[in-house]
Amino acid sequence: MKKLFRAKPSKIAGICKGLSRYFNIDESVIRTVFVVLIFLPFPIITIYLLMWLIIPKENNENNKHIPTNFY
C-alpha cells in the first residue's frame, strides 16, 4: 500500500514532490496546478498549509522503496 509523505529534499515543504511520487506524475505538473489554483477563488493556500501540517515527513526507513532518480 502506497503512503503519502512530504518528500525531502524539497523546494518549500515537500508537498508537491510527495504528491507527484504518490500519484506517479511529474512534479512540475503538480507545481503548475498549485500555482494556477492560487489565482482562482479557491482556498488552495489554506489547503497547502493544512497538508504541510497533516502529511508526515518521509524518513530514511520510508526512502527504501522510492527511487532517487524520480523524474
PDB file of N, CA and C in Angstrom:
ATOM      1  N   MET A   1       0.849  -1.183   0.000  1.00  0.00           N
ATOM      2  CA  MET A   1       0.000   0.000   0.000  1.00  0.00           C
ATOM      3  C   MET A   1       0.891   1.241   0.000  1.00  0.00           C
ATOM      4  N   LYS A   2       0.597   2.155  -0.921  1.00  0.00           N
ATOM      5  CA  LYS A   2       1.371   3.390  -1.003  1.00  0.00           C
ATOM      6  C   LYS A   2       0.947   4.344   0.107  1.00  0.00           C
ATOM      7  N   LYS A   3       1.929   5.081   0.616  1.00  0.00           N
ATOM      8  CA  LYS A   3       1.650   6.083   1.633  1.00  0.00           C
ATOM      9  C   LYS A   3       2.103   7.442   1.136  1.00  0.00           C
ATOM     10  N   LEU A   4       1.402   8.467   1.560  1.00  0.00           N
ATOM     11  CA  LEU A   4       1.726   9.835   1.165  1.00  0.00           C
ATOM     12  C   LEU A   4       2.628  10.464   2.216  1.00  0.00           C
ATOM     13  N   PHE A   5       3.790  10.955   1.775  1.00  0.00           N
ATOM     14  CA  PHE A   5       4.743  11.626   2.647  1.00  0.00           C
ATOM     15  C   PHE A   5       5.175  12.931   2.013  1.00  0.00           C
ATOM     16  N   ARG A   6       5.592  13.884   2.859  1.00  0.00           N
ATOM     17  CA  ARG A   6       6.244  15.089   2.353  1.00  0.00           C
ATOM     18  C   ARG A   6       7.674  14.702   2.018  1.00  0.00           C
ATOM     19  N   ALA A   7       8.063  14.918   0.786  1.00  0.00           N
ATOM     20  CA  ALA A   7       9.376  14.489   0.319  1.00  0.00           C
ATOM     21  C   ALA A   7      10.463  15.469   0.732  1.00  0.00           C
ATOM     22  N   LYS A   8      11.647  14.940   0.936  1.00  0.00           N
ATOM     23  CA  LYS A   8      12.799  15.780   1.188  1.00  0.00           C
ATOM     24  C   LYS A   8      13.962  15.251   0.390  1.00  0.00           C
ATOM     25  N   PRO A   9      14.849  16.022  -0.114  1.00  0.00           N
ATOM     26  CA  PRO A   9      14.857  17.479  -0.078  1.00  0.00           C
ATOM     27  C   PRO A   9      13.778  18.041  -0.998  1.00  0.00           C
ATOM     28  N   SER A  10      13.341  19.231  -0.672  1.00  0.00           N
ATOM     29  CA  SER A  10      12.239  19.819  -1.424  1.00  0.00           C
ATOM     30  C   SER A  10      12.422  21.324  -1.544  1.00  0.00           C
ATOM     31  N   LYS A  11      11.578  21.943  -2.368  1.00  0.00           N
ATOM     32  CA  LYS A  11      11.655  23.391  -2.574  1.00  0.00           C
ATOM     33  C   LYS A  11      11.127  24.139  -1.353  1.00  0.00           C
ATOM     34  N   ILE A  12       9.909  23.817  -0.925  1.00  0.00           N
ATOM     35  CA  ILE A  12       9.322  24.527   0.215  1.00  0.00           C
ATOM     36  C   ILE A  12       9.011  23.541   1.347  1.00  0.00           C
ATOM     37  N   ALA A  13       7.931  22.787   1.180  1.00  0.00           N
ATOM     38  CA  ALA A  13       7.526  21.877   2.247  1.00  0.00           C
ATOM     39  C   ALA A  13       7.532  20.420   1.822  1.00  0.00           C
ATOM     40  N   GLY A  14       7.734  20.148   0.549  1.00  0.00           N
ATOM     41  CA  GLY A  14       7.746  18.780   0.064  1.00  0.00           C
ATOM     42  C   GLY A  14       6.387  18.246  -0.326  1.00  0.00           C
ATOM     43  N   ILE A  15       5.366  19.092  -0.291  1.00  0.00           N
ATOM     44  CA  ILE A  15       4.013  18.667  -0.615  1.00  0.00           C
ATOM     45  C   ILE A  15       3.913  18.264  -2.082  1.00  0.00           C
ATOM     46  N   CYS A  16       4.367  19.101  -2.985  1.00  0.00           N
ATOM     47  CA  CYS A  16       4.256  18.823  -4.425  1.00  0.00           C
ATOM     48  C   CYS A  16       5.061  17.594  -4.816  1.00  0.00           C
ATOM     49  N   LYS A  17       6.267  17.471  -4.281  1.00  0.00           N
ATOM     50  CA  LYS A  17       7.093  16.308  -4.597  1.00  0.00           C
ATOM     51  C   LYS A  17       6.474  15.037  -4.020  1.00  0.00           C
ATOM     52  N   GLY A  18       5.922  15.119  -2.829  1.00  0.00           N
ATOM     53  CA  GLY A  18       5.257  13.961  -2.234  1.00  0.00           C
ATOM     54  C   GLY A  18       4.030  13.540  -3.021  1.00  0.00           C
ATOM     55  N   LEU A  19       3.231  14.521  -3.465  1.00  0.00           N
ATOM     56  CA  LEU A  19       2.058  14.203  -4.282  1.00  0.00           C
ATOM     57  C   LEU A  19       2.465  13.616  -5.629  1.00  0.00           C
ATOM     58  N   SER A  20       3.543  14.128  -6.212  1.00  0.00           N
ATOM     59  CA  SER A  20       3.982  13.596  -7.501  1.00  0.00           C
ATOM     60  C   SER A  20       4.467  12.154  -7.364  1.00  0.00           C
ATOM     61  N   ARG A  21       5.118  11.832  -6.282  1.00  0.00           N
ATOM     62  CA  ARG A  21       5.539  10.449  -6.061  1.00  0.00           C
ATOM     63  C   ARG A  21       4.333   9.550  -5.806  1.00  0.00           C
ATOM     64  N   TYR A  22       3.386  10.030  -5.044  1.00  0.00           N
ATOM     65  CA  TYR A  22       2.216   9.222  -4.706  1.00  0.00           C
ATOM     66  C   TYR A  22       1.378   8.903  -5.944  1.00  0.00           C
ATOM     67  N   PHE A  23       1.146   9.919  -6.796  1.00  0.00           N
ATOM     68  CA  PHE A  23       0.319   9.735  -7.983  1.00  0.00           C
ATOM     69  C   PHE A  23       1.138   9.361  -9.222  1.00  0.00           C
ATOM     70  N   ASN A  24       2.463   9.290  -9.081  1.00  0.00           N
ATOM     71  CA  ASN A  24       3.370   8.891 -10.146  1.00  0.00           C
ATOM     72  C   ASN A  24       3.228   9.791 -11.381  1.00  0.00           C
ATOM     73  N   ILE A  25       3.232  11.091 -11.153  1.00  0.00           N
ATOM     74  CA  ILE A  25       3.228  12.062 -12.246  1.00  0.00           C
ATOM     75  C   ILE A  25       4.355  13.062 -12.009  1.00  0.00           C
ATOM     76  N   ASP A  26       4.653  13.828 -13.031  1.00  0.00           N
ATOM     77  CA  ASP A  26       5.769  14.767 -12.954  1.00  0.00           C
ATOM     78  C   ASP A  26       5.516  15.845 -11.900  1.00  0.00           C
ATOM     79  N   GLU A  27       6.547  16.165 -11.163  1.00  0.00           N
ATOM     80  CA  GLU A  27       6.459  17.162 -10.097  1.00  0.00           C
ATOM     81  C   GLU A  27       6.083  18.542 -10.620  1.00  0.00           C
ATOM     82  N   SER A  28       6.549  18.891 -11.819  1.00  0.00           N
ATOM     83  CA  SER A  28       6.241  20.206 -12.375  1.00  0.00           C
ATOM     84  C   SER A  28       4.753  20.350 -12.688  1.00  0.00           C
ATOM     85  N   VAL A  29       4.077  19.255 -12.995  1.00  0.00           N
ATOM     86  CA  VAL A  29       2.626  19.304 -13.228  1.00  0.00           C
ATOM     87  C   VAL A  29       1.906  19.682 -11.935  1.00  0.00           C
ATOM     88  N   ILE A  30       2.289  19.075 -10.841  1.00  0.00           N
ATOM     89  CA  ILE A  30       1.674  19.381  -9.540  1.00  0.00           C
ATOM     90  C   ILE A  30       1.939  20.834  -9.164  1.00  0.00           C
ATOM     91  N   ARG A  31       3.166  21.290  -9.347  1.00  0.00           N
ATOM     92  CA  ARG A  31       3.501  22.684  -9.022  1.00  0.00           C
ATOM     93  C   ARG A  31       2.698  23.657  -9.884  1.00  0.00           C
ATOM     94  N   THR A  32       2.556  23.353 -11.163  1.00  0.00           N
ATOM     95  CA  THR A  32       1.783  24.213 -12.063  1.00  0.00           C
ATOM     96  C   THR A  32       0.321  24.271 -11.635  1.00  0.00           C
ATOM     97  N   VAL A  33      -0.236  23.148 -11.258  1.00  0.00           N
ATOM     98  CA  VAL A  33      -1.630  23.118 -10.790  1.00  0.00           C
ATOM     99  C   VAL A  33      -1.788  23.977  -9.539  1.00  0.00           C
ATOM    100  N   PHE A  34      -0.866  23.868  -8.600  1.00  0.00           N
ATOM    101  CA  PHE A  34      -0.940  24.686  -7.391  1.00  0.00           C
ATOM    102  C   PHE A  34      -0.839  26.178  -7.719  1.00  0.00           C
ATOM    103  N   VAL A  35       0.054  26.548  -8.632  1.00  0.00           N
ATOM    104  CA  VAL A  35       0.203  27.963  -8.992  1.00  0.00           C
ATOM    105  C   VAL A  35      -1.058  28.479  -9.675  1.00  0.00           C
ATOM    106  N   VAL A  36      -1.629  27.699 -10.571  1.00  0.00           N
ATOM    107  CA  VAL A  36      -2.856  28.113 -11.254  1.00  0.00           C
ATOM    108  C   VAL A  36      -4.009  28.254 -10.258  1.00  0.00           C
ATOM    109  N   LEU A  37      -4.107  27.332  -9.318  1.00  0.00           N
ATOM    110  CA  LEU A  37      -5.201  27.374  -8.342  1.00  0.00           C
ATOM    111  C   LEU A  37      -5.091  28.552  -7.378  1.00  0.00           C
ATOM    112  N   ILE A  38      -3.900  29.104  -7.228  1.00  0.00           N
ATOM    113  CA  ILE A  38      -3.752  30.273  -6.354  1.00  0.00           C
ATOM    114  C   ILE A  38      -4.558  31.452  -6.875  1.00  0.00           C
ATOM    115  N   PHE A  39      -4.669  31.564  -8.193  1.00  0.00           N
ATOM    116  CA  PHE A  39      -5.370  32.700  -8.798  1.00  0.00           C
ATOM    117  C   PHE A  39      -6.873  32.482  -8.946  1.00  0.00           C
ATOM    118  N   LEU A  40      -7.366  31.324  -8.581  1.00  0.00           N
ATOM    119  CA  LEU A  40      -8.802  31.053  -8.628  1.00  0.00           C
ATOM    120  C   LEU A  40      -9.415  31.276  -7.251  1.00  0.00           C
ATOM    121  N   PRO A  41     -10.722  31.506  -7.196  1.00  0.00           N
ATOM    122  CA  PRO A  41     -11.367  31.702  -5.877  1.00  0.00           C
ATOM    123  C   PRO A  41     -11.512  30.364  -5.140  1.00  0.00           C
ATOM    124  N   PHE A  42     -10.402  29.817  -4.785  1.00  0.00           N
ATOM    125  CA  PHE A  42     -10.357  28.517  -4.116  1.00  0.00           C
ATOM    126  C   PHE A  42      -9.278  28.623  -3.038  1.00  0.00           C
ATOM    127  N   PRO A  43      -9.533  28.154  -1.842  1.00  0.00           N
ATOM    128  CA  PRO A  43      -8.568  28.342  -0.735  1.00  0.00           C
ATOM    129  C   PRO A  43      -7.364  27.399  -0.809  1.00  0.00           C
ATOM    130  N   ILE A  44      -6.625  27.426  -1.922  1.00  0.00           N
ATOM    131  CA  ILE A  44      -5.513  26.496  -2.113  1.00  0.00           C
ATOM    132  C   ILE A  44      -4.363  26.754  -1.140  1.00  0.00           C
ATOM    133  N   ILE A  45      -4.147  27.997  -0.776  1.00  0.00           N
ATOM    134  CA  ILE A  45      -3.061  28.295   0.173  1.00  0.00           C
ATOM    135  C   ILE A  45      -3.375  27.677   1.534  1.00  0.00           C
ATOM    136  N   THR A  46      -4.621  27.778   1.956  1.00  0.00           N
ATOM    137  CA  THR A  46      -5.037  27.161   3.217  1.00  0.00           C
ATOM    138  C   THR A  46      -4.900  25.642   3.140  1.00  0.00           C
ATOM    139  N   ILE A  47      -5.292  25.065   2.014  1.00  0.00           N
ATOM    140  CA  ILE A  47      -5.187  23.617   1.846  1.00  0.00           C
ATOM    141  C   ILE A  47      -3.721  23.186   1.853  1.00  0.00           C
ATOM    142  N   TYR A  48      -2.865  23.949   1.187  1.00  0.00           N
ATOM    143  CA  TYR A  48      -1.434  23.636   1.171  1.00  0.00           C
ATOM    144  C   TYR A  48      -0.857  23.670   2.587  1.00  0.00           C
ATOM    145  N   LEU A  49      -1.210  24.682   3.353  1.00  0.00           N
ATOM    146  CA  LEU A  49      -0.714  24.783   4.731  1.00  0.00           C
ATOM    147  C   LEU A  49      -1.242  23.641   5.604  1.00  0.00           C
ATOM    148  N   LEU A  50      -2.491  23.266   5.413  1.00  0.00           N
ATOM    149  CA  LEU A  50      -3.040  22.132   6.164  1.00  0.00           C
ATOM    150  C   LEU A  50      -2.332  20.830   5.788  1.00  0.00           C
ATOM    151  N   MET A  51      -2.055  20.658   4.510  1.00  0.00           N
ATOM    152  CA  MET A  51      -1.321  19.468   4.084  1.00  0.00           C
ATOM    153  C   MET A  51       0.075  19.452   4.691  1.00  0.00           C
ATOM    154  N   TRP A  52       0.696  20.622   4.802  1.00  0.00           N
ATOM    155  CA  TRP A  52       2.024  20.741   5.408  1.00  0.00           C
ATOM    156  C   TRP A  52       1.987  20.261   6.864  1.00  0.00           C
ATOM    157  N   LEU A  53       0.899  20.571   7.550  1.00  0.00           N
ATOM    158  CA  LEU A  53       0.774  20.169   8.952  1.00  0.00           C
ATOM    159  C   LEU A  53       0.373  18.700   9.113  1.00  0.00           C
ATOM    160  N   ILE A  54      -0.453  18.188   8.209  1.00  0.00           N
ATOM    161  CA  ILE A  54      -1.029  16.852   8.376  1.00  0.00           C
ATOM    162  C   ILE A  54      -0.159  15.741   7.806  1.00  0.00           C
ATOM    163  N   ILE A  55       0.393  15.952   6.610  1.00  0.00           N
ATOM    164  CA  ILE A  55       1.166  14.895   5.946  1.00  0.00           C
ATOM    165  C   ILE A  55       2.526  14.760   6.621  1.00  0.00           C
ATOM    166  N   PRO A  56       2.881  13.551   7.041  1.00  0.00           N
ATOM    167  CA  PRO A  56       4.167  13.374   7.730  1.00  0.00           C
ATOM    168  C   PRO A  56       5.346  13.463   6.778  1.00  0.00           C
ATOM    169  N   LYS A  57       6.504  13.853   7.337  1.00  0.00           N
ATOM    170  CA  LYS A  57       7.747  13.872   6.560  1.00  0.00           C
ATOM    171  C   LYS A  57       8.194  12.437   6.340  1.00  0.00           C
ATOM    172  N   GLU A  58       8.837  12.214   5.195  1.00  0.00           N
ATOM    173  CA  GLU A  58       9.400  10.890   4.985  1.00  0.00           C
ATOM    174  C   GLU A  58      10.702  10.789   5.770  1.00  0.00           C
ATOM    175  N   ASN A  59      11.030   9.586   6.190  1.00  0.00           N
ATOM    176  CA  ASN A  59      12.296   9.377   6.882  1.00  0.00           C
ATOM    177  C   ASN A  59      13.095   8.338   6.119  1.00  0.00           C
ATOM    178  N   ASN A  60      14.261   8.001   6.592  1.00  0.00           N
ATOM    179  CA  ASN A  60      15.140   7.077   5.875  1.00  0.00           C
ATOM    180  C   ASN A  60      14.501   5.714   5.690  1.00  0.00           C
ATOM    181  N   GLU A  61      13.715   5.266   6.635  1.00  0.00           N
ATOM    182  CA  GLU A  61      13.051   3.966   6.524  1.00  0.00           C
ATOM    183  C   GLU A  61      12.050   3.970   5.370  1.00  0.00           C
ATOM    184  N   ASN A  62      11.381   5.105   5.162  1.00  0.00           N
ATOM    185  CA  ASN A  62      10.395   5.206   4.087  1.00  0.00           C
ATOM    186  C   ASN A  62      11.051   5.413   2.728  1.00  0.00           C
ATOM    187  N   ASN A  63      12.309   5.819   2.682  1.00  0.00           N
ATOM    188  CA  ASN A  63      13.007   6.085   1.428  1.00  0.00           C
ATOM    189  C   ASN A  63      13.465   4.833   0.714  1.00  0.00           C
ATOM    190  N   LYS A  64      13.411   3.689   1.354  1.00  0.00           N
ATOM    191  CA  LYS A  64      13.969   2.477   0.769  1.00  0.00           C
ATOM    192  C   LYS A  64      13.283   2.071  -0.531  1.00  0.00           C
ATOM    193  N   HIS A  65      12.003   2.310  -0.650  1.00  0.00           N
ATOM    194  CA  HIS A  65      11.271   1.873  -1.826  1.00  0.00           C
ATOM    195  C   HIS A  65      11.078   2.993  -2.849  1.00  0.00           C
ATOM    196  N   ILE A  66      11.578   4.202  -2.591  1.00  0.00           N
ATOM    197  CA  ILE A  66      11.394   5.322  -3.502  1.00  0.00           C
ATOM    198  C   ILE A  66      12.658   5.523  -4.312  1.00  0.00           C
ATOM    199  N   PRO A  67      12.564   5.508  -5.649  1.00  0.00           N
ATOM    200  CA  PRO A  67      13.771   5.710  -6.447  1.00  0.00           C
ATOM    201  C   PRO A  67      14.312   7.126  -6.298  1.00  0.00           C
ATOM    202  N   THR A  68      15.629   7.250  -6.310  1.00  0.00           N
ATOM    203  CA  THR A  68      16.234   8.576  -6.136  1.00  0.00           C
ATOM    204  C   THR A  68      16.242   9.380  -7.425  1.00  0.00           C
ATOM    205  N   ASN A  69      16.076   8.733  -8.571  1.00  0.00           N
ATOM    206  CA  ASN A  69      16.104   9.434  -9.845  1.00  0.00           C
ATOM    207  C   ASN A  69      14.685   9.611 -10.380  1.00  0.00           C
ATOM    208  N   PHE A  70      13.744   9.891  -9.538  1.00  0.00           N
ATOM    209  CA  PHE A  70      12.362  10.067  -9.937  1.00  0.00           C
ATOM    210  C   PHE A  70      12.224  11.347 -10.731  1.00  0.00           C
ATOM    211  N   TYR A  71      11.917  11.232 -11.984  1.00  0.00           N
ATOM    212  CA  TYR A  71      11.787  12.340 -12.944  1.00  0.00           C
ATOM    213  C   TYR A  71      13.001  13.193 -12.842  1.00  0.00           C
TER     214      TYR A  71
END
